[in-house]
Amino acid sequence: MLMHVVWEWADASEAGGARALAVFQGWKPPPGADFQAFYGFADGDGGVALIEVDSAATLARAVSAFTPWLRFTAKPILPIEESAGIAGEGIAFRATIG
C-alpha cells in the first residue's frame, strides 16, 4: 500500500529539534517500508514522504520513534488512472439509483 505521509513539528524547540535529528541519524526504516520519496519542507515546518508499506503496523513502526517531536498524517494513495476509474464506478453506481 502506497502512503502519502506528512509530518509537522509538534515540538519545535531547539532541544526537541536536536533530539529528533539525533534519533533520525540512528534510525532505519523497518522491514516492509520502502521510502520512494522523502523530502523536508524548505520552510523547516516538516516534510513529506511516499512510503510503500506492507501493513498499517509497518507504517506505525516507521513513525513511532519520532512521535514525541512530530505529528503525522498518513493517507493511502492510488495511481491517478486507478483512482479516476474508481470515481467513474461511483458515478455509474449513483446513476442507477433513482
PDB file of N, CA and C in Angstrom:
ATOM      1  N   MET A   1       0.852  -1.166   0.000  1.00  0.00           N
ATOM      2  CA  MET A   1       0.000   0.000   0.000  1.00  0.00           C
ATOM      3  C   MET A   1       0.901   1.234   0.000  1.00  0.00           C
ATOM      4  N   LEU A   2       0.625   2.134  -0.943  1.00  0.00           N
ATOM      5  CA  LEU A   2       1.427   3.351  -1.032  1.00  0.00           C
ATOM      6  C   LEU A   2       0.788   4.432  -0.164  1.00  0.00           C
ATOM      7  N   MET A   3       1.586   5.035   0.699  1.00  0.00           N
ATOM      8  CA  MET A   3       1.102   6.029   1.645  1.00  0.00           C
ATOM      9  C   MET A   3       1.755   7.380   1.391  1.00  0.00           C
ATOM     10  N   HIS A   4       0.950   8.430   1.482  1.00  0.00           N
ATOM     11  CA  HIS A   4       1.427   9.818   1.450  1.00  0.00           C
ATOM     12  C   HIS A   4       1.480  10.254   2.910  1.00  0.00           C
ATOM     13  N   VAL A   5       2.659  10.498   3.429  1.00  0.00           N
ATOM     14  CA  VAL A   5       2.838  10.827   4.842  1.00  0.00           C
ATOM     15  C   VAL A   5       3.394  12.239   4.959  1.00  0.00           C
ATOM     16  N   VAL A   6       2.707  13.056   5.740  1.00  0.00           N
ATOM     17  CA  VAL A   6       3.157  14.420   6.021  1.00  0.00           C
ATOM     18  C   VAL A   6       3.433  14.506   7.510  1.00  0.00           C
ATOM     19  N   TRP A   7       4.520  15.183   7.860  1.00  0.00           N
ATOM     20  CA  TRP A   7       4.783  15.422   9.277  1.00  0.00           C
ATOM     21  C   TRP A   7       5.023  16.898   9.513  1.00  0.00           C
ATOM     22  N   GLU A   8       4.631  17.323  10.700  1.00  0.00           N
ATOM     23  CA  GLU A   8       4.849  18.694  11.161  1.00  0.00           C
ATOM     24  C   GLU A   8       5.440  18.616  12.554  1.00  0.00           C
ATOM     25  N   TRP A   9       6.189  19.628  12.911  1.00  0.00           N
ATOM     26  CA  TRP A   9       6.799  19.662  14.230  1.00  0.00           C
ATOM     27  C   TRP A   9       5.731  19.853  15.310  1.00  0.00           C
ATOM     28  N   ALA A  10       5.733  18.990  16.296  1.00  0.00           N
ATOM     29  CA  ALA A  10       4.895  19.156  17.486  1.00  0.00           C
ATOM     30  C   ALA A  10       5.716  19.824  18.581  1.00  0.00           C
ATOM     31  N   ASP A  11       7.010  19.554  18.554  1.00  0.00           N
ATOM     32  CA  ASP A  11       7.960  20.189  19.481  1.00  0.00           C
ATOM     33  C   ASP A  11       9.012  20.879  18.626  1.00  0.00           C
ATOM     34  N   ALA A  12       8.798  22.160  18.365  1.00  0.00           N
ATOM     35  CA  ALA A  12       9.712  22.912  17.509  1.00  0.00           C
ATOM     36  C   ALA A  12      10.805  23.610  18.306  1.00  0.00           C
ATOM     37  N   SER A  13      10.955  23.216  19.571  1.00  0.00           N
ATOM     38  CA  SER A  13      12.008  23.828  20.374  1.00  0.00           C
ATOM     39  C   SER A  13      13.370  23.399  19.846  1.00  0.00           C
ATOM     40  N   GLU A  14      14.384  24.165  20.196  1.00  0.00           N
ATOM     41  CA  GLU A  14      15.743  23.808  19.765  1.00  0.00           C
ATOM     42  C   GLU A  14      16.150  22.452  20.319  1.00  0.00           C
ATOM     43  N   ALA A  15      15.828  22.195  21.574  1.00  0.00           N
ATOM     44  CA  ALA A  15      16.174  20.907  22.194  1.00  0.00           C
ATOM     45  C   ALA A  15      15.420  19.766  21.516  1.00  0.00           C
ATOM     46  N   GLY A  16      14.124  19.968  21.226  1.00  0.00           N
ATOM     47  CA  GLY A  16      13.338  18.938  20.558  1.00  0.00           C
ATOM     48  C   GLY A  16      13.869  18.645  19.171  1.00  0.00           C
ATOM     49  N   GLY A  17      14.196  19.687  18.423  1.00  0.00           N
ATOM     50  CA  GLY A  17      14.752  19.507  17.087  1.00  0.00           C
ATOM     51  C   GLY A  17      16.077  18.780  17.112  1.00  0.00           C
ATOM     52  N   ALA A  18      16.921  19.133  18.066  1.00  0.00           N
ATOM     53  CA  ALA A  18      18.237  18.482  18.179  1.00  0.00           C
ATOM     54  C   ALA A  18      18.077  17.000  18.515  1.00  0.00           C
ATOM     55  N   ARG A  19      17.157  16.697  19.427  1.00  0.00           N
ATOM     56  CA  ARG A  19      16.949  15.297  19.822  1.00  0.00           C
ATOM     57  C   ARG A  19      16.358  14.500  18.662  1.00  0.00           C
ATOM     58  N   ALA A  20      15.377  15.081  17.961  1.00  0.00           N
ATOM     59  CA  ALA A  20      14.777  14.386  16.824  1.00  0.00           C
ATOM     60  C   ALA A  20      15.818  14.093  15.751  1.00  0.00           C
ATOM     61  N   LEU A  21      16.703  15.051  15.464  1.00  0.00           N
ATOM     62  CA  LEU A  21      17.751  14.824  14.466  1.00  0.00           C
ATOM     63  C   LEU A  21      18.741  13.760  14.921  1.00  0.00           C
ATOM     64  N   ALA A  22      19.046  13.729  16.216  1.00  0.00           N
ATOM     65  CA  ALA A  22      19.945  12.695  16.739  1.00  0.00           C
ATOM     66  C   ALA A  22      19.317  11.312  16.599  1.00  0.00           C
ATOM     67  N   VAL A  23      18.032  11.209  16.913  1.00  0.00           N
ATOM     68  CA  VAL A  23      17.333   9.930  16.756  1.00  0.00           C
ATOM     69  C   VAL A  23      17.291   9.541  15.284  1.00  0.00           C
ATOM     70  N   PHE A  24      17.016  10.513  14.410  1.00  0.00           N
ATOM     71  CA  PHE A  24      16.950  10.233  12.970  1.00  0.00           C
ATOM     72  C   PHE A  24      18.270   9.675  12.443  1.00  0.00           C
ATOM     73  N   GLN A  25      19.389  10.177  12.947  1.00  0.00           N
ATOM     74  CA  GLN A  25      20.701   9.703  12.482  1.00  0.00           C
ATOM     75  C   GLN A  25      20.918   8.222  12.782  1.00  0.00           C
ATOM     76  N   GLY A  26      20.293   7.710  13.836  1.00  0.00           N
ATOM     77  CA  GLY A  26      20.452   6.303  14.176  1.00  0.00           C
ATOM     78  C   GLY A  26      19.310   5.423  13.704  1.00  0.00           C
ATOM     79  N   TRP A  27      18.338   5.997  13.012  1.00  0.00           N
ATOM     80  CA  TRP A  27      17.112   5.299  12.608  1.00  0.00           C
ATOM     81  C   TRP A  27      17.259   4.654  11.247  1.00  0.00           C
ATOM     82  N   LYS A  28      16.579   3.519  11.066  1.00  0.00           N
ATOM     83  CA  LYS A  28      16.469   2.871   9.760  1.00  0.00           C
ATOM     84  C   LYS A  28      15.012   2.485   9.569  1.00  0.00           C
ATOM     85  N   PRO A  29      14.500   2.574   8.340  1.00  0.00           N
ATOM     86  CA  PRO A  29      13.119   2.137   8.105  1.00  0.00           C
ATOM     87  C   PRO A  29      12.948   0.666   8.483  1.00  0.00           C
ATOM     88  N   PRO A  30      11.788   0.303   9.003  1.00  0.00           N
ATOM     89  CA  PRO A  30      11.561  -1.096   9.366  1.00  0.00           C
ATOM     90  C   PRO A  30      11.402  -1.961   8.116  1.00  0.00           C
ATOM     91  N   PRO A  31      11.600  -3.254   8.259  1.00  0.00           N
ATOM     92  CA  PRO A  31      11.319  -4.144   7.127  1.00  0.00           C
ATOM     93  C   PRO A  31       9.877  -3.950   6.669  1.00  0.00           C
ATOM     94  N   GLY A  32       9.671  -3.953   5.347  1.00  0.00           N
ATOM     95  CA  GLY A  32       8.332  -3.780   4.803  1.00  0.00           C
ATOM     96  C   GLY A  32       7.975  -2.336   4.507  1.00  0.00           C
ATOM     97  N   ALA A  33       8.904  -1.398   4.768  1.00  0.00           N
ATOM     98  CA  ALA A  33       8.679   0.016   4.470  1.00  0.00           C
ATOM     99  C   ALA A  33       9.717   0.469   3.448  1.00  0.00           C
ATOM    100  N   ASP A  34       9.253   0.790   2.255  1.00  0.00           N
ATOM    101  CA  ASP A  34      10.131   1.237   1.179  1.00  0.00           C
ATOM    102  C   ASP A  34       9.845   2.710   0.910  1.00  0.00           C
ATOM    103  N   PHE A  35      10.774   3.588   1.310  1.00  0.00           N
ATOM    104  CA  PHE A  35      10.621   5.024   1.100  1.00  0.00           C
ATOM    105  C   PHE A  35      10.931   5.340  -0.358  1.00  0.00           C
ATOM    106  N   GLN A  36       9.912   5.722  -1.112  1.00  0.00           N
ATOM    107  CA  GLN A  36      10.078   6.025  -2.529  1.00  0.00           C
ATOM    108  C   GLN A  36      10.400   7.494  -2.766  1.00  0.00           C
ATOM    109  N   ALA A  37      10.011   8.339  -1.843  1.00  0.00           N
ATOM    110  CA  ALA A  37      10.344   9.765  -1.888  1.00  0.00           C
ATOM    111  C   ALA A  37      10.370  10.245  -0.445  1.00  0.00           C
ATOM    112  N   PHE A  38      11.286  11.170  -0.137  1.00  0.00           N
ATOM    113  CA  PHE A  38      11.481  11.594   1.253  1.00  0.00           C
ATOM    114  C   PHE A  38      12.007  13.025   1.202  1.00  0.00           C
ATOM    115  N   TYR A  39      11.181  13.997   1.598  1.00  0.00           N
ATOM    116  CA  TYR A  39      11.549  15.402   1.466  1.00  0.00           C
ATOM    117  C   TYR A  39      11.231  16.176   2.738  1.00  0.00           C
ATOM    118  N   GLY A  40      12.053  17.171   3.018  1.00  0.00           N
ATOM    119  CA  GLY A  40      11.757  18.145   4.052  1.00  0.00           C
ATOM    120  C   GLY A  40      11.248  19.419   3.405  1.00  0.00           C
ATOM    121  N   PHE A  41      10.277  20.074   4.034  1.00  0.00           N
ATOM    122  CA  PHE A  41       9.775  21.348   3.514  1.00  0.00           C
ATOM    123  C   PHE A  41      10.863  22.407   3.636  1.00  0.00           C
ATOM    124  N   ALA A  42      10.979  23.265   2.635  1.00  0.00           N
ATOM    125  CA  ALA A  42      12.019  24.288   2.608  1.00  0.00           C
ATOM    126  C   ALA A  42      11.892  25.285   3.752  1.00  0.00           C
ATOM    127  N   ASP A  43      10.677  25.460   4.281  1.00  0.00           N
ATOM    128  CA  ASP A  43      10.494  26.396   5.390  1.00  0.00           C
ATOM    129  C   ASP A  43      10.800  25.782   6.753  1.00  0.00           C
ATOM    130  N   GLY A  44      11.205  24.504   6.778  1.00  0.00           N
ATOM    131  CA  GLY A  44      11.575  23.843   8.024  1.00  0.00           C
ATOM    132  C   GLY A  44      10.413  23.381   8.876  1.00  0.00           C
ATOM    133  N   ASP A  45       9.201  23.487   8.350  1.00  0.00           N
ATOM    134  CA  ASP A  45       7.982  23.156   9.086  1.00  0.00           C
ATOM    135  C   ASP A  45       7.723  21.666   9.253  1.00  0.00           C
ATOM    136  N   GLY A  46       8.327  20.829   8.428  1.00  0.00           N
ATOM    137  CA  GLY A  46       8.063  19.397   8.448  1.00  0.00           C
ATOM    138  C   GLY A  46       8.536  18.786   7.159  1.00  0.00           C
ATOM    139  N   GLY A  47       7.756  17.849   6.637  1.00  0.00           N
ATOM    140  CA  GLY A  47       8.153  17.191   5.401  1.00  0.00           C
ATOM    141  C   GLY A  47       7.090  16.239   4.904  1.00  0.00           C
ATOM    142  N   VAL A  48       7.435  15.518   3.849  1.00  0.00           N
ATOM    143  CA  VAL A  48       6.526  14.589   3.203  1.00  0.00           C
ATOM    144  C   VAL A  48       7.317  13.387   2.702  1.00  0.00           C
ATOM    145  N   ALA A  49       6.651  12.232   2.702  1.00  0.00           N
ATOM    146  CA  ALA A  49       7.264  11.023   2.168  1.00  0.00           C
ATOM    147  C   ALA A  49       6.206  10.206   1.448  1.00  0.00           C
ATOM    148  N   LEU A  50       6.634   9.485   0.434  1.00  0.00           N
ATOM    149  CA  LEU A  50       5.823   8.442  -0.184  1.00  0.00           C
ATOM    150  C   LEU A  50       6.450   7.131   0.244  1.00  0.00           C
ATOM    151  N   ILE A  51       5.665   6.323   0.944  1.00  0.00           N
ATOM    152  CA  ILE A  51       6.199   5.101   1.539  1.00  0.00           C
ATOM    153  C   ILE A  51       5.324   3.923   1.143  1.00  0.00           C
ATOM    154  N   GLU A  52       5.919   2.937   0.506  1.00  0.00           N
ATOM    155  CA  GLU A  52       5.237   1.683   0.224  1.00  0.00           C
ATOM    156  C   GLU A  52       5.366   0.819   1.471  1.00  0.00           C
ATOM    157  N   VAL A  53       4.232   0.453   2.062  1.00  0.00           N
ATOM    158  CA  VAL A  53       4.245  -0.374   3.271  1.00  0.00           C
ATOM    159  C   VAL A  53       3.431  -1.638   3.044  1.00  0.00           C
ATOM    160  N   ASP A  54       3.796  -2.679   3.759  1.00  0.00           N
ATOM    161  CA  ASP A  54       3.065  -3.930   3.639  1.00  0.00           C
ATOM    162  C   ASP A  54       1.879  -4.015   4.597  1.00  0.00           C
ATOM    163  N   SER A  55       1.797  -3.077   5.555  1.00  0.00           N
ATOM    164  CA  SER A  55       0.682  -3.090   6.507  1.00  0.00           C
ATOM    165  C   SER A  55       0.643  -1.774   7.272  1.00  0.00           C
ATOM    166  N   ALA A  56      -0.485  -1.530   7.914  1.00  0.00           N
ATOM    167  CA  ALA A  56      -0.599  -0.358   8.783  1.00  0.00           C
ATOM    168  C   ALA A  56       0.373  -0.459   9.952  1.00  0.00           C
ATOM    169  N   ALA A  57       0.616  -1.668  10.423  1.00  0.00           N
ATOM    170  CA  ALA A  57       1.566  -1.863  11.531  1.00  0.00           C
ATOM    171  C   ALA A  57       2.972  -1.431  11.119  1.00  0.00           C
ATOM    172  N   THR A  58       3.350  -1.712   9.879  1.00  0.00           N
ATOM    173  CA  THR A  58       4.666  -1.286   9.399  1.00  0.00           C
ATOM    174  C   THR A  58       4.762   0.228   9.355  1.00  0.00           C
ATOM    175  N   LEU A  59       3.698   0.890   8.911  1.00  0.00           N
ATOM    176  CA  LEU A  59       3.703   2.352   8.910  1.00  0.00           C
ATOM    177  C   LEU A  59       3.851   2.883  10.338  1.00  0.00           C
ATOM    178  N   ALA A  60       3.127   2.286  11.267  1.00  0.00           N
ATOM    179  CA  ALA A  60       3.234   2.709  12.668  1.00  0.00           C
ATOM    180  C   ALA A  60       4.662   2.532  13.182  1.00  0.00           C
ATOM    181  N   ARG A  61       5.301   1.446  12.808  1.00  0.00           N
ATOM    182  CA  ARG A  61       6.696   1.224  13.218  1.00  0.00           C
ATOM    183  C   ARG A  61       7.626   2.266  12.591  1.00  0.00           C
ATOM    184  N   ALA A  62       7.319   2.676  11.367  1.00  0.00           N
ATOM    185  CA  ALA A  62       8.175   3.650  10.672  1.00  0.00           C
ATOM    186  C   ALA A  62       8.155   5.016  11.351  1.00  0.00           C
ATOM    187  N   VAL A  63       7.037   5.387  11.964  1.00  0.00           N
ATOM    188  CA  VAL A  63       6.928   6.736  12.537  1.00  0.00           C
ATOM    189  C   VAL A  63       7.044   6.768  14.061  1.00  0.00           C
ATOM    190  N   SER A  64       6.927   5.630  14.712  1.00  0.00           N
ATOM    191  CA  SER A  64       6.803   5.610  16.179  1.00  0.00           C
ATOM    192  C   SER A  64       7.994   6.226  16.915  1.00  0.00           C
ATOM    193  N   ALA A  65       9.185   6.142  16.371  1.00  0.00           N
ATOM    194  CA  ALA A  65      10.363   6.690  17.059  1.00  0.00           C
ATOM    195  C   ALA A  65      10.314   8.210  17.163  1.00  0.00           C
ATOM    196  N   PHE A  66       9.482   8.845  16.327  1.00  0.00           N
ATOM    197  CA  PHE A  66       9.501  10.309  16.238  1.00  0.00           C
ATOM    198  C   PHE A  66       8.263  10.993  16.802  1.00  0.00           C
ATOM    199  N   THR A  67       7.342  10.224  17.359  1.00  0.00           N
ATOM    200  CA  THR A  67       6.084  10.825  17.839  1.00  0.00           C
ATOM    201  C   THR A  67       6.250  11.816  18.992  1.00  0.00           C
ATOM    202  N   PRO A  68       7.332  11.820  19.767  1.00  0.00           N
ATOM    203  CA  PRO A  68       7.468  12.890  20.755  1.00  0.00           C
ATOM    204  C   PRO A  68       7.664  14.274  20.122  1.00  0.00           C
ATOM    205  N   TRP A  69       8.151  14.326  18.877  1.00  0.00           N
ATOM    206  CA  TRP A  69       8.514  15.602  18.257  1.00  0.00           C
ATOM    207  C   TRP A  69       7.689  15.959  17.031  1.00  0.00           C
ATOM    208  N   LEU A  70       7.114  14.954  16.373  1.00  0.00           N
ATOM    209  CA  LEU A  70       6.423  15.171  15.097  1.00  0.00           C
ATOM    210  C   LEU A  70       4.993  14.650  15.152  1.00  0.00           C
ATOM    211  N   ARG A  71       4.103  15.310  14.430  1.00  0.00           N
ATOM    212  CA  ARG A  71       2.730  14.854  14.238  1.00  0.00           C
ATOM    213  C   ARG A  71       2.603  14.411  12.790  1.00  0.00           C
ATOM    214  N   PHE A  72       2.060  13.215  12.600  1.00  0.00           N
ATOM    215  CA  PHE A  72       1.976  12.596  11.283  1.00  0.00           C
ATOM    216  C   PHE A  72       0.543  12.538  10.778  1.00  0.00           C
ATOM    217  N   THR A  73       0.396  12.731   9.466  1.00  0.00           N
ATOM    218  CA  THR A  73      -0.849  12.475   8.763  1.00  0.00           C
ATOM    219  C   THR A  73      -0.505  11.543   7.624  1.00  0.00           C
ATOM    220  N   ALA A  74      -1.207  10.415   7.546  1.00  0.00           N
ATOM    221  CA  ALA A  74      -0.917   9.424   6.507  1.00  0.00           C
ATOM    222  C   ALA A  74      -2.201   9.078   5.758  1.00  0.00           C
ATOM    223  N   LYS A  75      -2.101   9.075   4.430  1.00  0.00           N
ATOM    224  CA  LYS A  75      -3.241   8.725   3.588  1.00  0.00           C
ATOM    225  C   LYS A  75      -2.791   7.721   2.541  1.00  0.00           C
ATOM    226  N   PRO A  76      -3.563   6.650   2.350  1.00  0.00           N
ATOM    227  CA  PRO A  76      -3.249   5.736   1.247  1.00  0.00           C
ATOM    228  C   PRO A  76      -3.534   6.440  -0.077  1.00  0.00           C
ATOM    229  N   ILE A  77      -2.681   6.199  -1.056  1.00  0.00           N
ATOM    230  CA  ILE A  77      -2.846   6.836  -2.363  1.00  0.00           C
ATOM    231  C   ILE A  77      -2.828   5.791  -3.477  1.00  0.00           C
ATOM    232  N   LEU A  78      -3.448   6.170  -4.604  1.00  0.00           N
ATOM    233  CA  LEU A  78      -3.542   5.305  -5.780  1.00  0.00           C
ATOM    234  C   LEU A  78      -3.020   6.054  -6.992  1.00  0.00           C
ATOM    235  N   PRO A  79      -2.534   5.329  -7.993  1.00  0.00           N
ATOM    236  CA  PRO A  79      -2.218   5.982  -9.257  1.00  0.00           C
ATOM    237  C   PRO A  79      -3.481   6.665  -9.790  1.00  0.00           C
ATOM    238  N   ILE A  80      -3.335   7.803 -10.452  1.00  0.00           N
ATOM    239  CA  ILE A  80      -4.487   8.587 -10.895  1.00  0.00           C
ATOM    240  C   ILE A  80      -5.391   7.784 -11.822  1.00  0.00           C
ATOM    241  N   GLU A  81      -4.830   6.924 -12.660  1.00  0.00           N
ATOM    242  CA  GLU A  81      -5.668   6.103 -13.545  1.00  0.00           C
ATOM    243  C   GLU A  81      -6.611   5.218 -12.727  1.00  0.00           C
ATOM    244  N   GLU A  82      -6.099   4.649 -11.658  1.00  0.00           N
ATOM    245  CA  GLU A  82      -6.919   3.780 -10.817  1.00  0.00           C
ATOM    246  C   GLU A  82      -7.953   4.583 -10.026  1.00  0.00           C
ATOM    247  N   SER A  83      -7.534   5.702  -9.428  1.00  0.00           N
ATOM    248  CA  SER A  83      -8.490   6.491  -8.642  1.00  0.00           C
ATOM    249  C   SER A  83      -9.563   7.100  -9.543  1.00  0.00           C
ATOM    250  N   ALA A  84      -9.202   7.514 -10.753  1.00  0.00           N
ATOM    251  CA  ALA A  84     -10.198   8.052 -11.684  1.00  0.00           C
ATOM    252  C   ALA A  84     -11.181   6.955 -12.108  1.00  0.00           C
ATOM    253  N   GLY A  85     -10.685   5.766 -12.341  1.00  0.00           N
ATOM    254  CA  GLY A  85     -11.560   4.644 -12.693  1.00  0.00           C
ATOM    255  C   GLY A  85     -12.544   4.316 -11.576  1.00  0.00           C
ATOM    256  N   ILE A  86     -12.068   4.335 -10.346  1.00  0.00           N
ATOM    257  CA  ILE A  86     -12.942   4.072  -9.197  1.00  0.00           C
ATOM    258  C   ILE A  86     -13.976   5.183  -9.054  1.00  0.00           C
ATOM    259  N   ALA A  87     -13.561   6.437  -9.271  1.00  0.00           N
ATOM    260  CA  ALA A  87     -14.513   7.547  -9.236  1.00  0.00           C
ATOM    261  C   ALA A  87     -15.593   7.346 -10.300  1.00  0.00           C
ATOM    262  N   GLY A  88     -15.194   6.885 -11.480  1.00  0.00           N
ATOM    263  CA  GLY A  88     -16.155   6.597 -12.540  1.00  0.00           C
ATOM    264  C   GLY A  88     -17.135   5.507 -12.143  1.00  0.00           C
ATOM    265  N   GLU A  89     -16.646   4.478 -11.455  1.00  0.00           N
ATOM    266  CA  GLU A  89     -17.528   3.421 -10.963  1.00  0.00           C
ATOM    267  C   GLU A  89     -18.564   3.992  -9.994  1.00  0.00           C
ATOM    268  N   GLY A  90     -18.121   4.892  -9.130  1.00  0.00           N
ATOM    269  CA  GLY A  90     -19.046   5.520  -8.180  1.00  0.00           C
ATOM    270  C   GLY A  90     -20.113   6.333  -8.889  1.00  0.00           C
ATOM    271  N   ILE A  91     -19.706   7.089  -9.912  1.00  0.00           N
ATOM    272  CA  ILE A  91     -20.659   7.881 -10.695  1.00  0.00           C
ATOM    273  C   ILE A  91     -21.669   6.956 -11.373  1.00  0.00           C
ATOM    274  N   ALA A  92     -21.174   5.882 -11.976  1.00  0.00           N
ATOM    275  CA  ALA A  92     -22.064   4.930 -12.656  1.00  0.00           C
ATOM    276  C   ALA A  92     -23.049   4.307 -11.669  1.00  0.00           C
ATOM    277  N   PHE A  93     -22.591   3.947 -10.484  1.00  0.00           N
ATOM    278  CA  PHE A  93     -23.481   3.371  -9.472  1.00  0.00           C
ATOM    279  C   PHE A  93     -24.560   4.359  -9.072  1.00  0.00           C
ATOM    280  N   ARG A  94     -24.148   5.599  -8.787  1.00  0.00           N
ATOM    281  CA  ARG A  94     -25.130   6.606  -8.358  1.00  0.00           C
ATOM    282  C   ARG A  94     -26.183   6.855  -9.431  1.00  0.00           C
ATOM    283  N   ALA A  95     -25.798   6.724 -10.703  1.00  0.00           N
ATOM    284  CA  ALA A  95     -26.743   6.922 -11.802  1.00  0.00           C
ATOM    285  C   ALA A  95     -27.825   5.848 -11.818  1.00  0.00           C
ATOM    286  N   THR A  96     -27.571   4.693 -11.206  1.00  0.00           N
ATOM    287  CA  THR A  96     -28.564   3.623 -11.176  1.00  0.00           C
ATOM    288  C   THR A  96     -29.583   3.787 -10.061  1.00  0.00           C
ATOM    289  N   ILE A  97     -29.348   4.728  -9.161  1.00  0.00           N
ATOM    290  CA  ILE A  97     -30.232   4.931  -8.021  1.00  0.00           C
ATOM    291  C   ILE A  97     -31.159   6.110  -8.344  1.00  0.00           C
ATOM    292  N   GLY A  98     -32.469   5.849  -8.291  1.00  0.00           N
ATOM    293  CA  GLY A  98     -33.473   6.860  -8.639  1.00  0.00           C
ATOM    294  C   GLY A  98     -33.608   7.947  -7.717  1.00  0.00           C
TER     295      GLY A  98
END
